Amino acid sequence: MNGYRLSIIIPTFNAENYLLDAIESVKNQTIGFENIELILVDDNSTDNTKSILEELCSNYTNVKSIFLEENSGSPSRPRNIGIESASSEYIMFLDNDDTYQETFCEKMYSTIVSYNAEIVTCRNYDIYGGKISKYHSILDNKDNLIILNSIEDDESLLSTTSMLIWNKIYKKSLFLENNIHFPTGTLYEDVYFNLQAYSNANKIIFLNDFYGYNYHIRTEGEDKSTSQDFKKENLIKFSNGLNNIFIYLEENEKIFKNFESEMLIGFTKWLLLTDCGCDNKLKLFRKFNKYYKRYGIFVRLYHIPLIQNILINLGIKFISLNDFSFKIICKLFSSLHK
């Protein structure tokens, strides 16, 4: 057994402009940087990222850098390699353009150890245009400390805002014993990963009053956040990822109605906002037609106002009527976003 309390995995790609901020936030952790194993897996960067990683390795014995010879197109493979390389009992993730609050690791580590849990999750800040805000979700109306023996004890916590990977600490054995991994070649890879983790975990802790992660949202330029990059390539990856999620639910006989509805709404947003032609969008719509058909008109999405919730429900039900209804909405969105 090594002396590290936890392993932090950072997948990197062309991150020279913000990677040092991410790493500095790890070095400044109150748990002590010497107690952290930092694993950086570079997805064949073409900028100065590799040089930064090489210098880090030469300066710190607890930093491990792994360089992939071919770009994999998503953080999934680098994260999987990071998990395989981790020597600590506990694992955390960090995106190469985000940062940790100083007490994040200490709080998460002490909680998962003291409760003998397999997953501990907390809240996150959104940083957009230099402004910091607390992300609102269904968790706003929950207790400050939530302890579950199974995610089925409170299925409402399977909201998309609870499916992030970087605001959590995991027991590594949960992945190894249940063959949990990130799917490659898709998006929603973090949602699929956490769906597996939550489904197999025997104790889950939600620190509902603790904000430990800084999520930096970039909406402009070539390095904009994937969640803001509405292009055909990403839409197809989201489609593949959503399909994986629905297949997993069906194969494991899991019925999480609100979660399925939230996923469908998120995908519909991408479907309508991506500029790839109505016929292409129709093909993807048909792929998930049965899920649109069973979408409940009375689904309550607690993280948004009731009126907005009702309008979304009506919109989804109208879209699900037939191809003609979908084309009407598709053309309406296209005209509004020209």
C-alpha atoms as a PDB file:
ATOM      1  CA  MET A   1       0.000   0.000   0.000  1.00  0.00           C
ATOM      2  CA  ASN A   2       1.380   3.419  -0.994  1.00  0.00           C
ATOM      3  CA  GLY A   3       1.255   6.535   1.149  1.00  0.00           C
ATOM      4  CA  TYR A   4      -1.201   8.445  -1.042  1.00  0.00           C
ATOM      5  CA  ARG A   5      -4.682   9.008   0.345  1.00  0.00           C
ATOM      6  CA  LEU A   6      -6.266   9.528  -3.051  1.00  0.00           C
ATOM      7  CA  SER A   7      -5.562   9.626  -6.777  1.00  0.00           C
ATOM      8  CA  ILE A   8      -6.696  12.536  -8.950  1.00  0.00           C
ATOM      9  CA  ILE A   9      -7.069  11.877 -12.672  1.00  0.00           C
ATOM     10  CA  ILE A  10      -6.857  14.717 -15.197  1.00  0.00           C
ATOM     11  CA  PRO A  11      -7.277  13.987 -18.917  1.00  0.00           C
ATOM     12  CA  THR A  12      -5.498  16.680 -20.943  1.00  0.00           C
ATOM     13  CA  PHE A  13      -5.719  17.920 -24.506  1.00  0.00           C
ATOM     14  CA  ASN A  14      -4.379  21.241 -25.825  1.00  0.00           C
ATOM     15  CA  ALA A  15      -4.810  22.784 -22.395  1.00  0.00           C
ATOM     16  CA  GLU A  16      -1.738  25.026 -22.150  1.00  0.00           C
ATOM     17  CA  ASN A  17      -3.885  28.125 -21.480  1.00  0.00           C
ATOM     18  CA  TYR A  18      -5.566  26.848 -18.311  1.00  0.00           C
ATOM     19  CA  LEU A  19      -3.905  23.589 -17.186  1.00  0.00           C
ATOM     20  CA  LEU A  20      -1.544  25.271 -14.730  1.00  0.00           C
ATOM     21  CA  ASP A  21      -4.524  26.802 -12.886  1.00  0.00           C
ATOM     22  CA  ALA A  22      -6.090  23.354 -12.548  1.00  0.00           C
ATOM     23  CA  ILE A  23      -2.857  21.827 -11.258  1.00  0.00           C
ATOM     24  CA  GLU A  24      -2.216  24.731  -8.894  1.00  0.00           C
ATOM     25  CA  SER A  25      -5.625  24.138  -7.311  1.00  0.00           C
ATOM     26  CA  VAL A  26      -4.563  20.533  -6.629  1.00  0.00           C
ATOM     27  CA  LYS A  27      -1.209  21.582  -5.191  1.00  0.00           C
ATOM     28  CA  ASN A  28      -2.969  24.006  -2.816  1.00  0.00           C
ATOM     29  CA  GLN A  29      -5.271  21.392  -1.258  1.00  0.00           C
ATOM     30  CA  THR A  30      -5.457  21.498   2.533  1.00  0.00           C
ATOM     31  CA  ILE A  31      -5.116  17.696   2.654  1.00  0.00           C
ATOM     32  CA  GLY A  32      -1.525  18.227   1.518  1.00  0.00           C
ATOM     33  CA  PHE A  33      -0.236  17.724  -2.011  1.00  0.00           C
ATOM     34  CA  GLU A  34       2.120  15.025  -0.747  1.00  0.00           C
ATOM     35  CA  ASN A  35      -0.958  12.896   0.066  1.00  0.00           C
ATOM     36  CA  ILE A  36      -2.226  13.069  -3.516  1.00  0.00           C
ATOM     37  CA  GLU A  37      -1.232  10.959  -6.488  1.00  0.00           C
ATOM     38  CA  LEU A  38      -1.782  13.157  -9.552  1.00  0.00           C
ATOM     39  CA  ILE A  39      -2.262  11.245 -12.806  1.00  0.00           C
ATOM     40  CA  LEU A  40      -2.297  13.241 -16.044  1.00  0.00           C
ATOM     41  CA  VAL A  41      -3.208  11.387 -19.236  1.00  0.00           C
ATOM     42  CA  ASP A  42      -2.531  13.445 -22.357  1.00  0.00           C
ATOM     43  CA  ASP A  43      -4.641  12.706 -25.424  1.00  0.00           C
ATOM     44  CA  ASN A  44      -1.878  13.554 -27.922  1.00  0.00           C
ATOM     45  CA  SER A  45      -1.893  17.330 -27.514  1.00  0.00           C
ATOM     46  CA  THR A  46      -0.444  19.471 -30.283  1.00  0.00           C
ATOM     47  CA  ASP A  47       0.293  22.571 -28.182  1.00  0.00           C
ATOM     48  CA  ASN A  48       2.633  23.033 -25.217  1.00  0.00           C
ATOM     49  CA  THR A  49       0.660  20.745 -22.880  1.00  0.00           C
ATOM     50  CA  LYS A  50       3.132  17.852 -23.132  1.00  0.00           C
ATOM     51  CA  SER A  51       6.030  20.080 -22.076  1.00  0.00           C
ATOM     52  CA  ILE A  52       4.075  21.233 -19.028  1.00  0.00           C
ATOM     53  CA  LEU A  53       3.420  17.622 -18.018  1.00  0.00           C
ATOM     54  CA  GLU A  54       7.056  16.614 -18.529  1.00  0.00           C
ATOM     55  CA  GLU A  55       8.230  19.454 -16.301  1.00  0.00           C
ATOM     56  CA  LEU A  56       5.724  18.504 -13.595  1.00  0.00           C
ATOM     57  CA  CYS A  57       6.985  14.919 -13.601  1.00  0.00           C
ATOM     58  CA  SER A  58      10.560  16.071 -13.232  1.00  0.00           C
ATOM     59  CA  ASN A  59       9.668  18.275 -10.248  1.00  0.00           C
ATOM     60  CA  TYR A  60       7.270  16.054  -8.285  1.00  0.00           C
ATOM     61  CA  THR A  61       7.531  12.355  -7.478  1.00  0.00           C
ATOM     62  CA  ASN A  62       3.762  12.075  -6.906  1.00  0.00           C
ATOM     63  CA  VAL A  63       2.921  13.238 -10.448  1.00  0.00           C
ATOM     64  CA  LYS A  64       2.523  10.605 -13.150  1.00  0.00           C
ATOM     65  CA  SER A  65       2.140  11.637 -16.800  1.00  0.00           C
ATOM     66  CA  ILE A  66       0.955   9.262 -19.515  1.00  0.00           C
ATOM     67  CA  PHE A  67       1.160  10.254 -23.186  1.00  0.00           C
ATOM     68  CA  LEU A  68      -1.163   8.691 -25.776  1.00  0.00           C
ATOM     69  CA  GLU A  69       0.222   8.386 -29.288  1.00  0.00           C
ATOM     70  CA  GLU A  70      -3.160   8.899 -30.991  1.00  0.00           C
ATOM     71  CA  ASN A  71      -5.958  11.272 -30.077  1.00  0.00           C
ATOM     72  CA  SER A  72      -9.035   9.375 -28.893  1.00  0.00           C
ATOM     73  CA  GLY A  73     -11.500  12.240 -29.399  1.00  0.00           C
ATOM     74  CA  SER A  74     -12.935  12.294 -25.871  1.00  0.00           C
ATOM     75  CA  PRO A  75     -11.751  12.086 -22.256  1.00  0.00           C
ATOM     76  CA  SER A  76     -13.137   8.541 -21.854  1.00  0.00           C
ATOM     77  CA  ARG A  77     -10.030   6.531 -22.782  1.00  0.00           C
ATOM     78  CA  PRO A  78      -7.648   8.805 -20.827  1.00  0.00           C
ATOM     79  CA  ARG A  79      -9.873   8.471 -17.751  1.00  0.00           C
ATOM     80  CA  ASN A  80     -10.028   4.675 -18.098  1.00  0.00           C
ATOM     81  CA  ILE A  81      -6.238   4.556 -18.359  1.00  0.00           C
ATOM     82  CA  GLY A  82      -6.017   6.831 -15.325  1.00  0.00           C
ATOM     83  CA  ILE A  83      -8.181   4.463 -13.276  1.00  0.00           C
ATOM     84  CA  GLU A  84      -6.024   1.508 -14.294  1.00  0.00           C
ATOM     85  CA  SER A  85      -2.890   3.431 -13.295  1.00  0.00           C
ATOM     86  CA  ALA A  86      -4.179   4.700  -9.938  1.00  0.00           C
ATOM     87  CA  SER A  87      -2.542   3.139  -6.893  1.00  0.00           C
ATOM     88  CA  SER A  88      -4.730   4.729  -4.208  1.00  0.00           C
ATOM     89  CA  GLU A  89      -7.913   3.329  -2.726  1.00  0.00           C
ATOM     90  CA  TYR A  90      -9.886   6.457  -3.602  1.00  0.00           C
ATOM     91  CA  ILE A  91     -10.235   8.276  -6.920  1.00  0.00           C
ATOM     92  CA  MET A  92     -11.268  11.791  -7.932  1.00  0.00           C
ATOM     93  CA  PHE A  93     -11.461  13.491 -11.323  1.00  0.00           C
ATOM     94  CA  LEU A  94     -10.651  16.998 -12.537  1.00  0.00           C
ATOM     95  CA  ASP A  95     -11.144  18.475 -16.003  1.00  0.00           C
ATOM     96  CA  ASN A  96      -8.076  20.260 -17.337  1.00  0.00           C
ATOM     97  CA  ASP A  97      -9.820  23.651 -17.468  1.00  0.00           C
ATOM     98  CA  ASP A  98     -11.546  23.571 -14.052  1.00  0.00           C
ATOM     99  CA  THR A  99     -10.321  24.052 -10.478  1.00  0.00           C
ATOM    100  CA  TYR A 100     -10.853  22.737  -6.949  1.00  0.00           C
ATOM    101  CA  GLN A 101     -11.744  24.731  -3.848  1.00  0.00           C
ATOM    102  CA  GLU A 102      -8.879  24.438  -1.333  1.00  0.00           C
ATOM    103  CA  THR A 103     -10.696  22.149   1.137  1.00  0.00           C
ATOM    104  CA  PHE A 104     -12.309  19.950  -1.526  1.00  0.00           C
ATOM    105  CA  CYS A 105     -10.085  16.863  -1.270  1.00  0.00           C
ATOM    106  CA  GLU A 106      -9.862  16.936   2.520  1.00  0.00           C
ATOM    107  CA  LYS A 107     -13.637  17.198   2.950  1.00  0.00           C
ATOM    108  CA  MET A 108     -14.418  14.487   0.406  1.00  0.00           C
ATOM    109  CA  TYR A 109     -11.741  12.097   1.650  1.00  0.00           C
ATOM    110  CA  SER A 110     -12.652  12.426   5.326  1.00  0.00           C
ATOM    111  CA  THR A 111     -16.336  11.871   4.507  1.00  0.00           C
ATOM    112  CA  ILE A 112     -15.894   8.753   2.382  1.00  0.00           C
ATOM    113  CA  VAL A 113     -13.567   7.212   4.995  1.00  0.00           C
ATOM    114  CA  SER A 114     -15.658   8.061   8.068  1.00  0.00           C
ATOM    115  CA  TYR A 115     -18.897   6.759   6.502  1.00  0.00           C
ATOM    116  CA  ASN A 116     -17.213   3.836   4.710  1.00  0.00           C
ATOM    117  CA  ALA A 117     -19.072   4.947   1.587  1.00  0.00           C
ATOM    118  CA  GLU A 118     -18.392   4.123  -2.050  1.00  0.00           C
ATOM    119  CA  ILE A 119     -19.419   7.494  -3.498  1.00  0.00           C
ATOM    120  CA  VAL A 120     -19.452  10.964  -1.976  1.00  0.00           C
ATOM    121  CA  THR A 121     -20.735  13.880  -4.017  1.00  0.00           C
ATOM    122  CA  CYS A 122     -21.002  17.609  -3.359  1.00  0.00           C
ATOM    123  CA  ARG A 123     -22.211  20.784  -5.053  1.00  0.00           C
ATOM    124  CA  ASN A 124     -20.303  22.916  -7.561  1.00  0.00           C
ATOM    125  CA  TYR A 125     -19.870  26.530  -8.532  1.00  0.00           C
ATOM    126  CA  ASP A 126     -20.410  27.660 -12.117  1.00  0.00           C
ATOM    127  CA  ILE A 127     -17.880  30.209 -13.366  1.00  0.00           C
ATOM    128  CA  TYR A 128     -19.083  32.053 -16.442  1.00  0.00           C
ATOM    129  CA  GLY A 129     -17.586  35.275 -17.777  1.00  0.00           C
ATOM    130  CA  GLY A 130     -15.602  35.705 -14.565  1.00  0.00           C
ATOM    131  CA  LYS A 131     -18.740  35.498 -12.392  1.00  0.00           C
ATOM    132  CA  ILE A 132     -19.206  32.736  -9.809  1.00  0.00           C
ATOM    133  CA  SER A 133     -22.643  31.331  -9.066  1.00  0.00           C
ATOM    134  CA  LYS A 134     -24.097  28.321  -7.289  1.00  0.00           C
ATOM    135  CA  TYR A 135     -25.639  25.847  -9.691  1.00  0.00           C
ATOM    136  CA  HIS A 136     -29.298  25.278  -8.853  1.00  0.00           C
ATOM    137  CA  SER A 137     -30.792  21.795  -8.998  1.00  0.00           C
ATOM    138  CA  ILE A 138     -33.216  19.434  -7.290  1.00  0.00           C
ATOM    139  CA  LEU A 139     -30.695  19.302  -4.441  1.00  0.00           C
ATOM    140  CA  ASP A 140     -31.731  22.815  -3.372  1.00  0.00           C
ATOM    141  CA  ASN A 141     -34.737  21.347  -1.558  1.00  0.00           C
ATOM    142  CA  LYS A 142     -32.934  18.427   0.086  1.00  0.00           C
ATOM    143  CA  ASP A 143     -31.276  17.947   3.491  1.00  0.00           C
ATOM    144  CA  ASN A 144     -27.715  19.165   3.971  1.00  0.00           C
ATOM    145  CA  LEU A 145     -26.503  15.596   4.488  1.00  0.00           C
ATOM    146  CA  ILE A 146     -28.078  12.751   2.522  1.00  0.00           C
ATOM    147  CA  ILE A 147     -27.104   9.130   3.201  1.00  0.00           C
ATOM    148  CA  LEU A 148     -28.384   6.412   0.865  1.00  0.00           C
ATOM    149  CA  ASN A 149     -27.831   2.668   0.967  1.00  0.00           C
ATOM    150  CA  SER A 150     -29.071   2.509  -2.613  1.00  0.00           C
ATOM    151  CA  ILE A 151     -29.815   5.139  -5.245  1.00  0.00           C
ATOM    152  CA  GLU A 152     -33.291   3.601  -5.418  1.00  0.00           C
ATOM    153  CA  ASP A 153     -33.919   4.998  -1.917  1.00  0.00           C
ATOM    154  CA  ASP A 154     -34.285   8.398  -3.586  1.00  0.00           C
ATOM    155  CA  GLU A 155     -34.425   8.151  -7.380  1.00  0.00           C
ATOM    156  CA  SER A 156     -34.928  11.920  -7.674  1.00  0.00           C
ATOM    157  CA  LEU A 157     -31.196  12.277  -6.967  1.00  0.00           C
ATOM    158  CA  LEU A 158     -30.516  10.672 -10.343  1.00  0.00           C
ATOM    159  CA  SER A 159     -30.935  14.066 -11.951  1.00  0.00           C
ATOM    160  CA  THR A 160     -28.493  15.060 -14.672  1.00  0.00           C
ATOM    161  CA  THR A 161     -26.889  17.561 -12.271  1.00  0.00           C
ATOM    162  CA  SER A 162     -25.995  14.679  -9.946  1.00  0.00           C
ATOM    163  CA  MET A 163     -24.362  12.696 -12.757  1.00  0.00           C
ATOM    164  CA  LEU A 164     -21.191  14.770 -12.947  1.00  0.00           C
ATOM    165  CA  ILE A 165     -17.964  12.904 -12.211  1.00  0.00           C
ATOM    166  CA  TRP A 166     -15.698  15.717 -11.083  1.00  0.00           C
ATOM    167  CA  ASN A 167     -17.625  16.739  -7.930  1.00  0.00           C
ATOM    168  CA  LYS A 168     -17.202  13.270  -6.399  1.00  0.00           C
ATOM    169  CA  ILE A 169     -14.808  10.883  -4.704  1.00  0.00           C
ATOM    170  CA  TYR A 170     -15.133   7.167  -5.398  1.00  0.00           C
ATOM    171  CA  LYS A 171     -13.840   3.999  -3.810  1.00  0.00           C
ATOM    172  CA  LYS A 172     -11.739   2.404  -6.545  1.00  0.00           C
ATOM    173  CA  SER A 173     -12.942  -1.101  -5.673  1.00  0.00           C
ATOM    174  CA  LEU A 174     -16.436  -0.098  -6.846  1.00  0.00           C
ATOM    175  CA  PHE A 175     -15.071   0.193 -10.405  1.00  0.00           C
ATOM    176  CA  LEU A 176     -12.951  -2.931 -10.292  1.00  0.00           C
ATOM    177  CA  GLU A 177     -15.546  -5.245  -8.762  1.00  0.00           C
ATOM    178  CA  ASN A 178     -18.329  -4.162 -11.133  1.00  0.00           C
ATOM    179  CA  ASN A 179     -16.327  -3.587 -14.342  1.00  0.00           C
ATOM    180  CA  ILE A 180     -17.328   0.073 -14.444  1.00  0.00           C
ATOM    181  CA  HIS A 181     -15.648   2.119 -17.156  1.00  0.00           C
ATOM    182  CA  PHE A 182     -16.172   5.099 -19.453  1.00  0.00           C
ATOM    183  CA  PRO A 183     -17.565   4.204 -22.902  1.00  0.00           C
ATOM    184  CA  THR A 184     -15.405   5.445 -25.773  1.00  0.00           C
ATOM    185  CA  GLY A 185     -16.576   7.248 -28.915  1.00  0.00           C
ATOM    186  CA  THR A 186     -19.614   8.844 -27.241  1.00  0.00           C
ATOM    187  CA  LEU A 187     -20.678  11.800 -25.125  1.00  0.00           C
ATOM    188  CA  TYR A 188     -22.868  11.476 -22.009  1.00  0.00           C
ATOM    189  CA  GLU A 189     -19.952   9.229 -21.035  1.00  0.00           C
ATOM    190  CA  ASP A 190     -19.932  10.679 -17.513  1.00  0.00           C
ATOM    191  CA  VAL A 191     -23.669  10.031 -17.120  1.00  0.00           C
ATOM    192  CA  TYR A 192     -23.267   6.412 -18.255  1.00  0.00           C
ATOM    193  CA  PHE A 193     -20.313   5.972 -15.903  1.00  0.00           C
ATOM    194  CA  ASN A 194     -22.197   7.327 -12.897  1.00  0.00           C
ATOM    195  CA  LEU A 195     -25.328   5.373 -13.758  1.00  0.00           C
ATOM    196  CA  GLN A 196     -23.255   2.209 -13.395  1.00  0.00           C
ATOM    197  CA  ALA A 197     -21.593   3.491 -10.224  1.00  0.00           C
ATOM    198  CA  TYR A 198     -24.831   4.551  -8.522  1.00  0.00           C
ATOM    199  CA  SER A 199     -26.568   1.308  -9.513  1.00  0.00           C
ATOM    200  CA  ASN A 200     -23.859  -0.798  -7.860  1.00  0.00           C
ATOM    201  CA  ALA A 201     -23.005   1.333  -4.823  1.00  0.00           C
ATOM    202  CA  ASN A 202     -24.132   0.244  -1.357  1.00  0.00           C
ATOM    203  CA  LYS A 203     -23.578   3.597   0.348  1.00  0.00           C
ATOM    204  CA  ILE A 204     -23.798   7.037  -1.267  1.00  0.00           C
ATOM    205  CA  ILE A 205     -23.306  10.359   0.532  1.00  0.00           C
ATOM    206  CA  PHE A 206     -24.507  13.744  -0.710  1.00  0.00           C
ATOM    207  CA  LEU A 207     -22.841  16.765   0.932  1.00  0.00           C
ATOM    208  CA  ASN A 208     -25.580  19.141  -0.060  1.00  0.00           C
ATOM    209  CA  ASP A 209     -24.218  22.219   1.711  1.00  0.00           C
ATOM    210  CA  PHE A 210     -20.624  21.912   0.505  1.00  0.00           C
ATOM    211  CA  TYR A 211     -19.418  23.541  -2.726  1.00  0.00           C
ATOM    212  CA  GLY A 212     -16.034  22.116  -3.636  1.00  0.00           C
ATOM    213  CA  TYR A 213     -15.654  22.283  -7.424  1.00  0.00           C
ATOM    214  CA  ASN A 214     -15.337  25.200  -9.842  1.00  0.00           C
ATOM    215  CA  TYR A 215     -16.840  24.433 -13.249  1.00  0.00           C
ATOM    216  CA  HIS A 216     -15.555  26.910 -15.837  1.00  0.00           C
ATOM    217  CA  ILE A 217     -17.992  27.401 -18.721  1.00  0.00           C
ATOM    218  CA  ARG A 218     -16.492  28.590 -22.006  1.00  0.00           C
ATOM    219  CA  THR A 219     -18.902  29.658 -24.738  1.00  0.00           C
ATOM    220  CA  GLU A 220     -16.567  31.279 -27.249  1.00  0.00           C
ATOM    221  CA  GLY A 221     -13.587  30.308 -29.387  1.00  0.00           C
ATOM    222  CA  GLU A 222     -12.182  26.994 -30.539  1.00  0.00           C
ATOM    223  CA  ASP A 223     -11.829  25.690 -26.981  1.00  0.00           C
ATOM    224  CA  LYS A 224     -15.453  26.266 -25.924  1.00  0.00           C
ATOM    225  CA  SER A 225     -16.970  23.739 -23.518  1.00  0.00           C
ATOM    226  CA  THR A 226     -18.385  20.642 -25.235  1.00  0.00           C
ATOM    227  CA  SER A 227     -21.749  21.339 -23.606  1.00  0.00           C
ATOM    228  CA  GLN A 228     -21.824  24.628 -25.543  1.00  0.00           C
ATOM    229  CA  ASP A 229     -20.479  23.333 -28.863  1.00  0.00           C
ATOM    230  CA  PHE A 230     -23.584  22.499 -30.916  1.00  0.00           C
ATOM    231  CA  LYS A 231     -22.079  20.772 -33.926  1.00  0.00           C
ATOM    232  CA  LYS A 232     -23.135  17.655 -35.827  1.00  0.00           C
ATOM    233  CA  GLU A 233     -20.194  15.560 -34.649  1.00  0.00           C
ATOM    234  CA  ASN A 234     -21.098  16.166 -30.997  1.00  0.00           C
ATOM    235  CA  LEU A 235     -24.805  15.574 -31.637  1.00  0.00           C
ATOM    236  CA  ILE A 236     -24.044  12.125 -33.048  1.00  0.00           C
ATOM    237  CA  LYS A 237     -21.831  11.342 -30.047  1.00  0.00           C
ATOM    238  CA  PHE A 238     -24.612  12.462 -27.705  1.00  0.00           C
ATOM    239  CA  SER A 239     -27.024  10.232 -29.620  1.00  0.00           C
ATOM    240  CA  ASN A 240     -24.737   7.226 -29.189  1.00  0.00           C
ATOM    241  CA  GLY A 241     -24.252   8.004 -25.520  1.00  0.00           C
ATOM    242  CA  LEU A 242     -27.978   8.339 -24.862  1.00  0.00           C
ATOM    243  CA  ASN A 243     -28.592   5.040 -26.625  1.00  0.00           C
ATOM    244  CA  ASN A 244     -26.026   3.346 -24.334  1.00  0.00           C
ATOM    245  CA  ILE A 245     -27.783   4.769 -21.284  1.00  0.00           C
ATOM    246  CA  PHE A 246     -31.245   3.592 -22.323  1.00  0.00           C
ATOM    247  CA  ILE A 247     -29.908   0.136 -23.225  1.00  0.00           C
ATOM    248  CA  TYR A 248     -28.234  -0.117 -19.812  1.00  0.00           C
ATOM    249  CA  LEU A 249     -31.494   0.772 -18.049  1.00  0.00           C
ATOM    250  CA  GLU A 250     -33.462  -1.797 -20.023  1.00  0.00           C
ATOM    251  CA  GLU A 251     -30.915  -4.606 -19.694  1.00  0.00           C
ATOM    252  CA  ASN A 252     -30.704  -4.076 -15.935  1.00  0.00           C
ATOM    253  CA  GLU A 253     -34.472  -3.582 -15.551  1.00  0.00           C
ATOM    254  CA  LYS A 254     -34.030  -0.133 -14.020  1.00  0.00           C
ATOM    255  CA  ILE A 255     -36.982   2.242 -14.136  1.00  0.00           C
ATOM    256  CA  PHE A 256     -35.967   5.824 -13.365  1.00  0.00           C
ATOM    257  CA  LYS A 257     -38.706   7.825 -15.087  1.00  0.00           C
ATOM    258  CA  ASN A 258     -37.603  11.326 -14.156  1.00  0.00           C
ATOM    259  CA  PHE A 259     -33.984  10.595 -15.036  1.00  0.00           C
ATOM    260  CA  GLU A 260     -35.004   9.211 -18.434  1.00  0.00           C
ATOM    261  CA  SER A 261     -37.150  12.305 -19.029  1.00  0.00           C
ATOM    262  CA  GLU A 262     -34.320  14.690 -18.127  1.00  0.00           C
ATOM    263  CA  MET A 263     -31.957  12.877 -20.465  1.00  0.00           C
ATOM    264  CA  LEU A 264     -34.482  13.083 -23.287  1.00  0.00           C
ATOM    265  CA  ILE A 265     -34.998  16.811 -22.718  1.00  0.00           C
ATOM    266  CA  GLY A 266     -31.253  17.455 -22.796  1.00  0.00           C
ATOM    267  CA  PHE A 267     -30.887  15.484 -26.007  1.00  0.00           C
ATOM    268  CA  THR A 268     -33.861  17.340 -27.575  1.00  0.00           C
ATOM    269  CA  LYS A 269     -32.122  20.648 -26.852  1.00  0.00           C
ATOM    270  CA  TRP A 270     -29.085  19.410 -28.762  1.00  0.00           C
ATOM    271  CA  LEU A 271     -31.255  18.020 -31.532  1.00  0.00           C
ATOM    272  CA  LEU A 272     -32.995  21.349 -32.097  1.00  0.00           C
ATOM    273  CA  LEU A 273     -29.998  23.677 -31.690  1.00  0.00           C
ATOM    274  CA  THR A 274     -27.482  21.751 -33.829  1.00  0.00           C
ATOM    275  CA  ASP A 275     -27.213  22.957 -37.423  1.00  0.00           C
ATOM    276  CA  CYS A 276     -27.240  19.715 -39.417  1.00  0.00           C
ATOM    277  CA  GLY A 277     -30.435  19.786 -41.496  1.00  0.00           C
ATOM    278  CA  CYS A 278     -33.932  18.708 -40.544  1.00  0.00           C
ATOM    279  CA  ASP A 279     -33.684  15.350 -42.335  1.00  0.00           C
ATOM    280  CA  ASN A 280     -30.594  14.367 -40.339  1.00  0.00           C
ATOM    281  CA  LYS A 281     -32.301  15.426 -37.129  1.00  0.00           C
ATOM    282  CA  LEU A 282     -35.390  13.406 -38.056  1.00  0.00           C
ATOM    283  CA  LYS A 283     -33.305  10.227 -38.368  1.00  0.00           C
ATOM    284  CA  LEU A 284     -31.961  10.713 -34.849  1.00  0.00           C
ATOM    285  CA  PHE A 285     -35.432  11.573 -33.555  1.00  0.00           C
ATOM    286  CA  ARG A 286     -36.804   8.307 -34.916  1.00  0.00           C
ATOM    287  CA  LYS A 287     -34.028   6.414 -33.134  1.00  0.00           C
ATOM    288  CA  PHE A 288     -35.539   7.438 -29.798  1.00  0.00           C
ATOM    289  CA  ASN A 289     -39.163   7.555 -30.864  1.00  0.00           C
ATOM    290  CA  LYS A 290     -40.370   5.004 -28.316  1.00  0.00           C
ATOM    291  CA  TYR A 291     -38.878   7.042 -25.479  1.00  0.00           C
ATOM    292  CA  TYR A 292     -40.562  10.193 -26.749  1.00  0.00           C
ATOM    293  CA  LYS A 293     -43.859   8.300 -26.936  1.00  0.00           C
ATOM    294  CA  ARG A 294     -43.713   7.265 -23.293  1.00  0.00           C
ATOM    295  CA  TYR A 295     -42.618  10.665 -21.976  1.00  0.00           C
ATOM    296  CA  GLY A 296     -45.059  11.618 -19.214  1.00  0.00           C
ATOM    297  CA  ILE A 297     -47.048  14.809 -19.580  1.00  0.00           C
ATOM    298  CA  PHE A 298     -46.939  15.275 -15.785  1.00  0.00           C
ATOM    299  CA  VAL A 299     -43.173  14.849 -15.362  1.00  0.00           C
ATOM    300  CA  ARG A 300     -41.976  17.292 -12.694  1.00  0.00           C
ATOM    301  CA  LEU A 301     -38.514  18.726 -13.190  1.00  0.00           C
ATOM    302  CA  TYR A 302     -37.797  20.270  -9.806  1.00  0.00           C
ATOM    303  CA  HIS A 303     -34.784  22.336 -10.860  1.00  0.00           C
ATOM    304  CA  ILE A 304     -36.888  24.647 -13.060  1.00  0.00           C
ATOM    305  CA  PRO A 305     -40.030  26.775 -12.427  1.00  0.00           C
ATOM    306  CA  LEU A 306     -43.367  25.018 -12.777  1.00  0.00           C
ATOM    307  CA  ILE A 307     -44.553  27.096 -15.762  1.00  0.00           C
ATOM    308  CA  GLN A 308     -41.357  26.354 -17.690  1.00  0.00           C
ATOM    309  CA  ASN A 309     -41.749  22.690 -16.739  1.00  0.00           C
ATOM    310  CA  ILE A 310     -45.287  22.607 -18.152  1.00  0.00           C
ATOM    311  CA  LEU A 311     -44.194  24.250 -21.421  1.00  0.00           C
ATOM    312  CA  ILE A 312     -41.350  21.758 -21.839  1.00  0.00           C
ATOM    313  CA  ASN A 313     -43.700  18.832 -21.205  1.00  0.00           C
ATOM    314  CA  LEU A 314     -46.174  20.121 -23.772  1.00  0.00           C
ATOM    315  CA  GLY A 315     -43.374  20.676 -26.276  1.00  0.00           C
ATOM    316  CA  ILE A 316     -41.990  17.155 -25.867  1.00  0.00           C
ATOM    317  CA  LYS A 317     -45.448  15.618 -26.176  1.00  0.00           C
ATOM    318  CA  PHE A 318     -46.129  17.649 -29.349  1.00  0.00           C
ATOM    319  CA  ILE A 319     -42.799  16.594 -30.855  1.00  0.00           C
ATOM    320  CA  SER A 320     -43.565  12.960 -30.074  1.00  0.00           C
ATOM    321  CA  LEU A 321     -46.863  12.930 -31.989  1.00  0.00           C
ATOM    322  CA  ASN A 322     -45.326  12.132 -35.385  1.00  0.00           C
ATOM    323  CA  ASP A 323     -42.630  13.117 -37.900  1.00  0.00           C
ATOM    324  CA  PHE A 324     -44.676  16.097 -39.073  1.00  0.00           C
ATOM    325  CA  SER A 325     -44.876  17.540 -35.552  1.00  0.00           C
ATOM    326  CA  PHE A 326     -41.129  17.170 -35.120  1.00  0.00           C
ATOM    327  CA  LYS A 327     -40.471  18.912 -38.457  1.00  0.00           C
ATOM    328  CA  ILE A 328     -42.642  21.856 -37.408  1.00  0.00           C
ATOM    329  CA  ILE A 329     -40.648  22.396 -34.210  1.00  0.00           C
ATOM    330  CA  CYS A 330     -37.385  21.771 -36.052  1.00  0.00           C
ATOM    331  CA  LYS A 331     -38.116  24.438 -38.671  1.00  0.00           C
ATOM    332  CA  LEU A 332     -39.309  26.862 -35.980  1.00  0.00           C
ATOM    333  CA  PHE A 333     -36.006  26.571 -34.091  1.00  0.00           C
ATOM    334  CA  SER A 334     -34.016  26.887 -37.319  1.00  0.00           C
ATOM    335  CA  SER A 335     -35.760  30.156 -38.179  1.00  0.00           C
ATOM    336  CA  LEU A 336     -35.250  31.544 -34.674  1.00  0.00           C
ATOM    337  CA  HIS A 337     -31.501  30.817 -34.658  1.00  0.00           C
ATOM    338  CA  LYS A 338     -30.548  32.103 -38.094  1.00  0.00           C
END
